[in-house]
């Protein structure tokens, strides 16, 4: 009578693969959460710069500054 081979190594490999897929899923979700926070930060930063650029009395606007061209 033939002896059946143990399926333990195969099952161990499958379990390792399932764990690795789960770990990669978790890592991907964590990275996405960080990226979302960074995206929100930079969008808010861009909006602040846009507001400053549009501000009526911003000191860097040429029409508000009393700039004289040097006589040449």
PDB file of N, CA and C in Angstrom:
ATOM      1  N   UNK A   1       0.819  -1.177   0.000  1.00  0.00           N
ATOM      2  CA  UNK A   1       0.000   0.000   0.000  1.00  0.00           C
ATOM      3  C   UNK A   1       0.871   1.252   0.000  1.00  0.00           C
ATOM      4  N   UNK A   2       0.510   2.245  -0.863  1.00  0.00           N
ATOM      5  CA  UNK A   2       1.293   3.465  -0.958  1.00  0.00           C
ATOM      6  C   UNK A   2       0.954   4.388   0.196  1.00  0.00           C
ATOM      7  N   UNK A   3       1.967   5.083   0.633  1.00  0.00           N
ATOM      8  CA  UNK A   3       1.771   6.053   1.705  1.00  0.00           C
ATOM      9  C   UNK A   3       1.416   7.402   1.074  1.00  0.00           C
ATOM     10  N   UNK A   4       0.391   8.054   1.606  1.00  0.00           N
ATOM     11  CA  UNK A   4      -0.036   9.355   1.096  1.00  0.00           C
ATOM     12  C   UNK A   4       0.961  10.429   1.516  1.00  0.00           C
ATOM     13  N   UNK A   5       1.247  11.332   0.596  1.00  0.00           N
ATOM     14  CA  UNK A   5       2.138  12.442   0.922  1.00  0.00           C
ATOM     15  C   UNK A   5       1.395  13.444   1.792  1.00  0.00           C
ATOM     16  N   UNK A   6       2.108  14.048   2.674  1.00  0.00           N
ATOM     17  CA  UNK A   6       1.517  15.055   3.545  1.00  0.00           C
ATOM     18  C   UNK A   6       1.249  16.319   2.749  1.00  0.00           C
ATOM     19  N   UNK A   7       0.117  16.933   2.983  1.00  0.00           N
ATOM     20  CA  UNK A   7      -0.216  18.195   2.316  1.00  0.00           C
ATOM     21  C   UNK A   7       0.173  19.396   3.175  1.00  0.00           C
ATOM     22  N   UNK A   8       0.821  19.149   4.294  1.00  0.00           N
ATOM     23  CA  UNK A   8       1.182  20.238   5.202  1.00  0.00           C
ATOM     24  C   UNK A   8       2.042  21.305   4.525  1.00  0.00           C
ATOM     25  N   UNK A   9       3.109  20.944   3.784  1.00  0.00           N
ATOM     26  CA  UNK A   9       3.911  22.016   3.151  1.00  0.00           C
ATOM     27  C   UNK A   9       3.106  22.845   2.162  1.00  0.00           C
ATOM     28  N   UNK A  10       2.202  22.217   1.420  1.00  0.00           N
ATOM     29  CA  UNK A  10       1.381  22.943   0.457  1.00  0.00           C
ATOM     30  C   UNK A  10       0.437  23.881   1.190  1.00  0.00           C
ATOM     31  N   UNK A  11      -0.192  23.399   2.230  1.00  0.00           N
ATOM     32  CA  UNK A  11      -1.111  24.238   3.009  1.00  0.00           C
ATOM     33  C   UNK A  11      -0.356  25.393   3.666  1.00  0.00           C
ATOM     34  N   UNK A  12       0.860  25.118   4.115  1.00  0.00           N
ATOM     35  CA  UNK A  12       1.670  26.172   4.729  1.00  0.00           C
ATOM     36  C   UNK A  12       1.985  27.253   3.694  1.00  0.00           C
ATOM     37  N   UNK A  13       2.309  26.842   2.472  1.00  0.00           N
ATOM     38  CA  UNK A  13       2.588  27.787   1.398  1.00  0.00           C
ATOM     39  C   UNK A  13       1.353  28.618   1.062  1.00  0.00           C
ATOM     40  N   UNK A  14       0.192  27.975   1.012  1.00  0.00           N
ATOM     41  CA  UNK A  14      -1.058  28.687   0.731  1.00  0.00           C
ATOM     42  C   UNK A  14      -1.348  29.682   1.842  1.00  0.00           C
ATOM     43  N   UNK A  15      -1.151  29.273   3.077  1.00  0.00           N
ATOM     44  CA  UNK A  15      -1.400  30.179   4.196  1.00  0.00           C
ATOM     45  C   UNK A  15      -0.425  31.354   4.152  1.00  0.00           C
ATOM     46  N   UNK A  16       0.849  31.076   3.826  1.00  0.00           N
ATOM     47  CA  UNK A  16       1.814  32.160   3.708  1.00  0.00           C
ATOM     48  C   UNK A  16       1.397  33.128   2.608  1.00  0.00           C
ATOM     49  N   UNK A  17       0.937  32.595   1.477  1.00  0.00           N
ATOM     50  CA  UNK A  17       0.508  33.446   0.370  1.00  0.00           C
ATOM     51  C   UNK A  17      -0.691  34.290   0.776  1.00  0.00           C
ATOM     52  N   UNK A  18      -1.657  33.692   1.459  1.00  0.00           N
ATOM     53  CA  UNK A  18      -2.832  34.452   1.895  1.00  0.00           C
ATOM     54  C   UNK A  18      -2.415  35.565   2.845  1.00  0.00           C
ATOM     55  N   UNK A  19      -1.482  35.259   3.752  1.00  0.00           N
ATOM     56  CA  UNK A  19      -1.015  36.279   4.687  1.00  0.00           C
ATOM     57  C   UNK A  19      -0.285  37.389   3.928  1.00  0.00           C
ATOM     58  N   UNK A  20       0.542  37.011   2.957  1.00  0.00           N
ATOM     59  CA  UNK A  20       1.269  38.017   2.198  1.00  0.00           C
ATOM     60  C   UNK A  20       0.323  38.917   1.418  1.00  0.00           C
ATOM     61  N   UNK A  21      -0.699  38.330   0.810  1.00  0.00           N
ATOM     62  CA  UNK A  21      -1.683  39.142   0.088  1.00  0.00           C
ATOM     63  C   UNK A  21      -2.399  40.090   1.047  1.00  0.00           C
ATOM     64  N   UNK A  22      -2.753  39.590   2.231  1.00  0.00           N
ATOM     65  CA  UNK A  22      -3.422  40.432   3.221  1.00  0.00           C
ATOM     66  C   UNK A  22      -2.494  41.566   3.661  1.00  0.00           C
ATOM     67  N   UNK A  23      -1.224  41.229   3.912  1.00  0.00           N
ATOM     68  CA  UNK A  23      -0.265  42.247   4.344  1.00  0.00           C
ATOM     69  C   UNK A  23      -0.081  43.311   3.260  1.00  0.00           C
ATOM     70  N   UNK A  24      -0.023  42.887   1.998  1.00  0.00           N
ATOM     71  CA  UNK A  24       0.100  43.852   0.905  1.00  0.00           C
ATOM     72  C   UNK A  24      -1.149  44.716   0.773  1.00  0.00           C
ATOM     73  N   UNK A  25      -2.302  44.117   1.005  1.00  0.00           N
ATOM     74  CA  UNK A  25      -3.555  44.887   0.968  1.00  0.00           C
ATOM     75  C   UNK A  25      -3.544  45.963   2.049  1.00  0.00           C
ATOM     76  N   UNK A  26      -3.170  45.573   3.263  1.00  0.00           N
ATOM     77  CA  UNK A  26      -3.139  46.522   4.385  1.00  0.00           C
ATOM     78  C   UNK A  26      -2.129  47.636   4.108  1.00  0.00           C
ATOM     79  N   UNK A  27      -0.948  47.260   3.617  1.00  0.00           N
ATOM     80  CA  UNK A  27       0.075  48.253   3.318  1.00  0.00           C
ATOM     81  C   UNK A  27      -0.414  49.230   2.247  1.00  0.00           C
ATOM     82  N   UNK A  28      -1.075  48.725   1.229  1.00  0.00           N
ATOM     83  CA  UNK A  28      -1.584  49.582   0.162  1.00  0.00           C
ATOM     84  C   UNK A  28      -2.624  50.556   0.684  1.00  0.00           C
ATOM     85  N   UNK A  29      -3.503  50.074   1.544  1.00  0.00           N
ATOM     86  CA  UNK A  29      -4.527  50.964   2.113  1.00  0.00           C
ATOM     87  C   UNK A  29      -3.894  52.039   2.999  1.00  0.00           C
ATOM     88  N   UNK A  30      -2.868  51.658   3.765  1.00  0.00           N
ATOM     89  CA  UNK A  30      -2.188  52.635   4.619  1.00  0.00           C
ATOM     90  C   UNK A  30      -1.497  53.702   3.765  1.00  0.00           C
ATOM     91  N   UNK A  31      -0.846  53.286   2.703  1.00  0.00           N
ATOM     92  CA  UNK A  31      -0.183  54.247   1.822  1.00  0.00           C
ATOM     93  C   UNK A  31      -1.191  55.171   1.152  1.00  0.00           C
ATOM     94  N   UNK A  32      -2.334  54.630   0.778  1.00  0.00           N
ATOM     95  CA  UNK A  32      -3.374  55.451   0.162  1.00  0.00           C
ATOM     96  C   UNK A  32      -3.884  56.494   1.154  1.00  0.00           C
ATOM     97  N   UNK A  33      -4.030  56.095   2.421  1.00  0.00           N
ATOM     98  CA  UNK A  33      -4.504  57.041   3.438  1.00  0.00           C
ATOM     99  C   UNK A  33      -3.495  58.177   3.619  1.00  0.00           C
ATOM    100  N   UNK A  34      -2.215  57.842   3.638  1.00  0.00           N
ATOM    101  CA  UNK A  34      -1.174  58.869   3.770  1.00  0.00           C
ATOM    102  C   UNK A  34      -1.183  59.775   2.538  1.00  0.00           C
ATOM    103  N   UNK A  35      -1.289  59.180   1.368  1.00  0.00           N
ATOM    104  CA  UNK A  35      -1.307  59.959   0.128  1.00  0.00           C
ATOM    105  C   UNK A  35      -2.514  60.896   0.100  1.00  0.00           C
ATOM    106  N   UNK A  36      -3.659  60.436   0.595  1.00  0.00           N
ATOM    107  CA  UNK A  36      -4.857  61.270   0.625  1.00  0.00           C
ATOM    108  C   UNK A  36      -4.629  62.483   1.528  1.00  0.00           C
ATOM    109  N   UNK A  37      -4.011  62.250   2.690  1.00  0.00           N
ATOM    110  CA  UNK A  37      -3.737  63.368   3.599  1.00  0.00           C
ATOM    111  C   UNK A  37      -2.769  64.358   2.961  1.00  0.00           C
ATOM    112  N   UNK A  38      -1.744  63.841   2.289  1.00  0.00           N
ATOM    113  CA  UNK A  38      -0.786  64.725   1.628  1.00  0.00           C
ATOM    114  C   UNK A  38      -1.468  65.506   0.504  1.00  0.00           C
ATOM    115  N   UNK A  39      -2.337  64.833  -0.250  1.00  0.00           N
ATOM    116  CA  UNK A  39      -3.048  65.499  -1.327  1.00  0.00           C
ATOM    117  C   UNK A  39      -3.906  66.632  -0.767  1.00  0.00           C
ATOM    118  N   UNK A  40      -4.628  66.361   0.309  1.00  0.00           N
ATOM    119  CA  UNK A  40      -5.478  67.386   0.913  1.00  0.00           C
ATOM    120  C   UNK A  40      -4.631  68.559   1.409  1.00  0.00           C
ATOM    121  N   UNK A  41      -3.485  68.265   1.993  1.00  0.00           N
ATOM    122  CA  UNK A  41      -2.598  69.327   2.467  1.00  0.00           C
ATOM    123  C   UNK A  41      -2.176  70.216   1.302  1.00  0.00           C
ATOM    124  N   UNK A  42      -1.703  69.598   0.210  1.00  0.00           N
ATOM    125  CA  UNK A  42      -1.191  70.378  -0.910  1.00  0.00           C
ATOM    126  C   UNK A  42      -2.300  71.123  -1.640  1.00  0.00           C
ATOM    127  N   UNK A  43      -3.489  70.552  -1.703  1.00  0.00           N
ATOM    128  CA  UNK A  43      -4.605  71.284  -2.306  1.00  0.00           C
ATOM    129  C   UNK A  43      -4.969  72.497  -1.470  1.00  0.00           C
ATOM    130  N   UNK A  44      -4.953  72.345  -0.153  1.00  0.00           N
ATOM    131  CA  UNK A  44      -5.212  73.493   0.728  1.00  0.00           C
ATOM    132  C   UNK A  44      -4.116  74.543   0.586  1.00  0.00           C
ATOM    133  N   UNK A  45      -2.877  74.093   0.473  1.00  0.00           N
ATOM    134  CA  UNK A  45      -1.759  75.006   0.284  1.00  0.00           C
ATOM    135  C   UNK A  45      -1.931  75.799  -1.020  1.00  0.00           C
ATOM    136  N   UNK A  46      -2.296  75.104  -2.089  1.00  0.00           N
ATOM    137  CA  UNK A  46      -2.519  75.760  -3.380  1.00  0.00           C
ATOM    138  C   UNK A  46      -3.655  76.775  -3.284  1.00  0.00           C
ATOM    139  N   UNK A  47      -4.703  76.420  -2.565  1.00  0.00           N
ATOM    140  CA  UNK A  47      -5.837  77.336  -2.417  1.00  0.00           C
ATOM    141  C   UNK A  47      -5.425  78.592  -1.649  1.00  0.00           C
ATOM    142  N   UNK A  48      -4.604  78.430  -0.618  1.00  0.00           N
ATOM    143  CA  UNK A  48      -4.125  79.599   0.124  1.00  0.00           C
ATOM    144  C   UNK A  48      -3.313  80.520  -0.776  1.00  0.00           C
ATOM    145  N   UNK A  49      -2.445  79.927  -1.617  1.00  0.00           N
ATOM    146  CA  UNK A  49      -1.645  80.745  -2.530  1.00  0.00           C
ATOM    147  C   UNK A  49      -2.540  81.443  -3.548  1.00  0.00           C
ATOM    148  N   UNK A  50      -3.560  80.750  -4.002  1.00  0.00           N
ATOM    149  CA  UNK A  50      -4.488  81.375  -4.961  1.00  0.00           C
ATOM    150  C   UNK A  50      -5.208  82.550  -4.315  1.00  0.00           C
ATOM    151  N   UNK A  51      -5.610  82.387  -3.061  1.00  0.00           N
ATOM    152  CA  UNK A  51      -6.286  83.477  -2.359  1.00  0.00           C
ATOM    153  C   UNK A  51      -5.348  84.666  -2.170  1.00  0.00           C
ATOM    154  N   UNK A  52      -4.096  84.393  -1.825  1.00  0.00           N
ATOM    155  CA  UNK A  52      -3.130  85.483  -1.679  1.00  0.00           C
ATOM    156  C   UNK A  52      -2.909  86.203  -3.004  1.00  0.00           C
ATOM    157  N   UNK A  53      -2.832  85.421  -4.076  1.00  0.00           N
ATOM    158  CA  UNK A  53      -2.621  86.011  -5.399  1.00  0.00           C
ATOM    159  C   UNK A  53      -3.791  86.900  -5.778  1.00  0.00           C
ATOM    160  N   UNK A  54      -4.986  86.505  -5.419  1.00  0.00           N
ATOM    161  CA  UNK A  54      -6.189  87.252  -5.785  1.00  0.00           C
ATOM    162  C   UNK A  54      -6.512  88.386  -4.816  1.00  0.00           C
ATOM    163  N   UNK A  55      -5.829  88.394  -3.687  1.00  0.00           N
ATOM    164  CA  UNK A  55      -6.147  89.395  -2.660  1.00  0.00           C
ATOM    165  C   UNK A  55      -5.951  90.810  -3.206  1.00  0.00           C
ATOM    166  N   UNK A  56      -6.877  91.684  -2.920  1.00  0.00           N
ATOM    167  CA  UNK A  56      -6.864  93.058  -3.445  1.00  0.00           C
ATOM    168  C   UNK A  56      -5.648  93.838  -2.974  1.00  0.00           C
ATOM    169  N   UNK A  57      -5.284  93.700  -1.726  1.00  0.00           N
ATOM    170  CA  UNK A  57      -4.217  94.523  -1.157  1.00  0.00           C
ATOM    171  C   UNK A  57      -2.948  93.719  -0.921  1.00  0.00           C
ATOM    172  N   UNK A  58      -2.739  92.727  -1.708  1.00  0.00           N
ATOM    173  CA  UNK A  58      -1.517  91.955  -1.543  1.00  0.00           C
ATOM    174  C   UNK A  58      -0.338  92.810  -1.998  1.00  0.00           C
ATOM    175  N   UNK A  59       0.721  92.895  -1.198  1.00  0.00           N
ATOM    176  CA  UNK A  59       1.826  93.809  -1.517  1.00  0.00           C
ATOM    177  C   UNK A  59       2.581  93.467  -2.796  1.00  0.00           C
ATOM    178  N   UNK A  60       2.437  92.280  -3.320  1.00  0.00           N
ATOM    179  CA  UNK A  60       3.186  91.916  -4.518  1.00  0.00           C
ATOM    180  C   UNK A  60       2.435  92.205  -5.812  1.00  0.00           C
ATOM    181  N   UNK A  61       1.187  92.681  -5.706  1.00  0.00           N
ATOM    182  CA  UNK A  61       0.449  93.018  -6.926  1.00  0.00           C
ATOM    183  C   UNK A  61       1.001  94.312  -7.499  1.00  0.00           C
ATOM    184  N   UNK A  62       1.297  94.306  -8.786  1.00  0.00           N
ATOM    185  CA  UNK A  62       1.917  95.459  -9.429  1.00  0.00           C
ATOM    186  C   UNK A  62       0.998  96.673  -9.408  1.00  0.00           C
ATOM    187  N   UNK A  63      -0.308  96.487  -9.536  1.00  0.00           N
ATOM    188  CA  UNK A  63      -1.200  97.632  -9.578  1.00  0.00           C
ATOM    189  C   UNK A  63      -1.395  98.276  -8.219  1.00  0.00           C
ATOM    190  N   UNK A  64      -1.069  97.562  -7.131  1.00  0.00           N
ATOM    191  CA  UNK A  64      -1.194  98.136  -5.797  1.00  0.00           C
ATOM    192  C   UNK A  64       0.112  98.749  -5.303  1.00  0.00           C
ATOM    193  N   UNK A  65       1.212  98.310  -5.891  1.00  0.00           N
ATOM    194  CA  UNK A  65       2.516  98.808  -5.440  1.00  0.00           C
ATOM    195  C   UNK A  65       2.827 100.132  -6.134  1.00  0.00           C
ATOM    196  N   UNK A  66       3.482 101.011  -5.429  1.00  0.00           N
ATOM    197  CA  UNK A  66       3.898 102.288  -6.005  1.00  0.00           C
ATOM    198  C   UNK A  66       5.296 102.119  -6.581  1.00  0.00           C
ATOM    199  N   UNK A  67       5.361 101.410  -7.673  1.00  0.00           N
ATOM    200  CA  UNK A  67       6.654 101.155  -8.289  1.00  0.00           C
ATOM    201  C   UNK A  67       6.907 102.178  -9.372  1.00  0.00           C
ATOM    202  N   UNK A  68       8.052 102.759  -9.329  1.00  0.00           N
ATOM    203  CA  UNK A  68       8.430 103.710 -10.362  1.00  0.00           C
ATOM    204  C   UNK A  68       9.540 103.093 -11.166  1.00  0.00           C
ATOM    205  N   UNK A  69       9.482 103.306 -12.468  1.00  0.00           N
ATOM    206  CA  UNK A  69      10.584 102.817 -13.306  1.00  0.00           C
ATOM    207  C   UNK A  69      11.705 103.815 -13.249  1.00  0.00           C
ATOM    208  N   UNK A  70      12.924 103.322 -13.164  1.00  0.00           N
ATOM    209  CA  UNK A  70      14.057 104.265 -13.096  1.00  0.00           C
ATOM    210  C   UNK A  70      14.184 105.064 -14.392  1.00  0.00           C
ATOM    211  N   UNK A  71      14.543 106.309 -14.242  1.00  0.00           N
ATOM    212  CA  UNK A  71      14.725 107.149 -15.427  1.00  0.00           C
ATOM    213  C   UNK A  71      15.916 106.654 -16.193  1.00  0.00           C
ATOM    214  N   UNK A  72      15.732 106.507 -17.496  1.00  0.00           N
ATOM    215  CA  UNK A  72      16.812 105.920 -18.256  1.00  0.00           C
ATOM    216  C   UNK A  72      17.298 106.700 -19.357  1.00  0.00           C
TER     217      UNK A  72
END
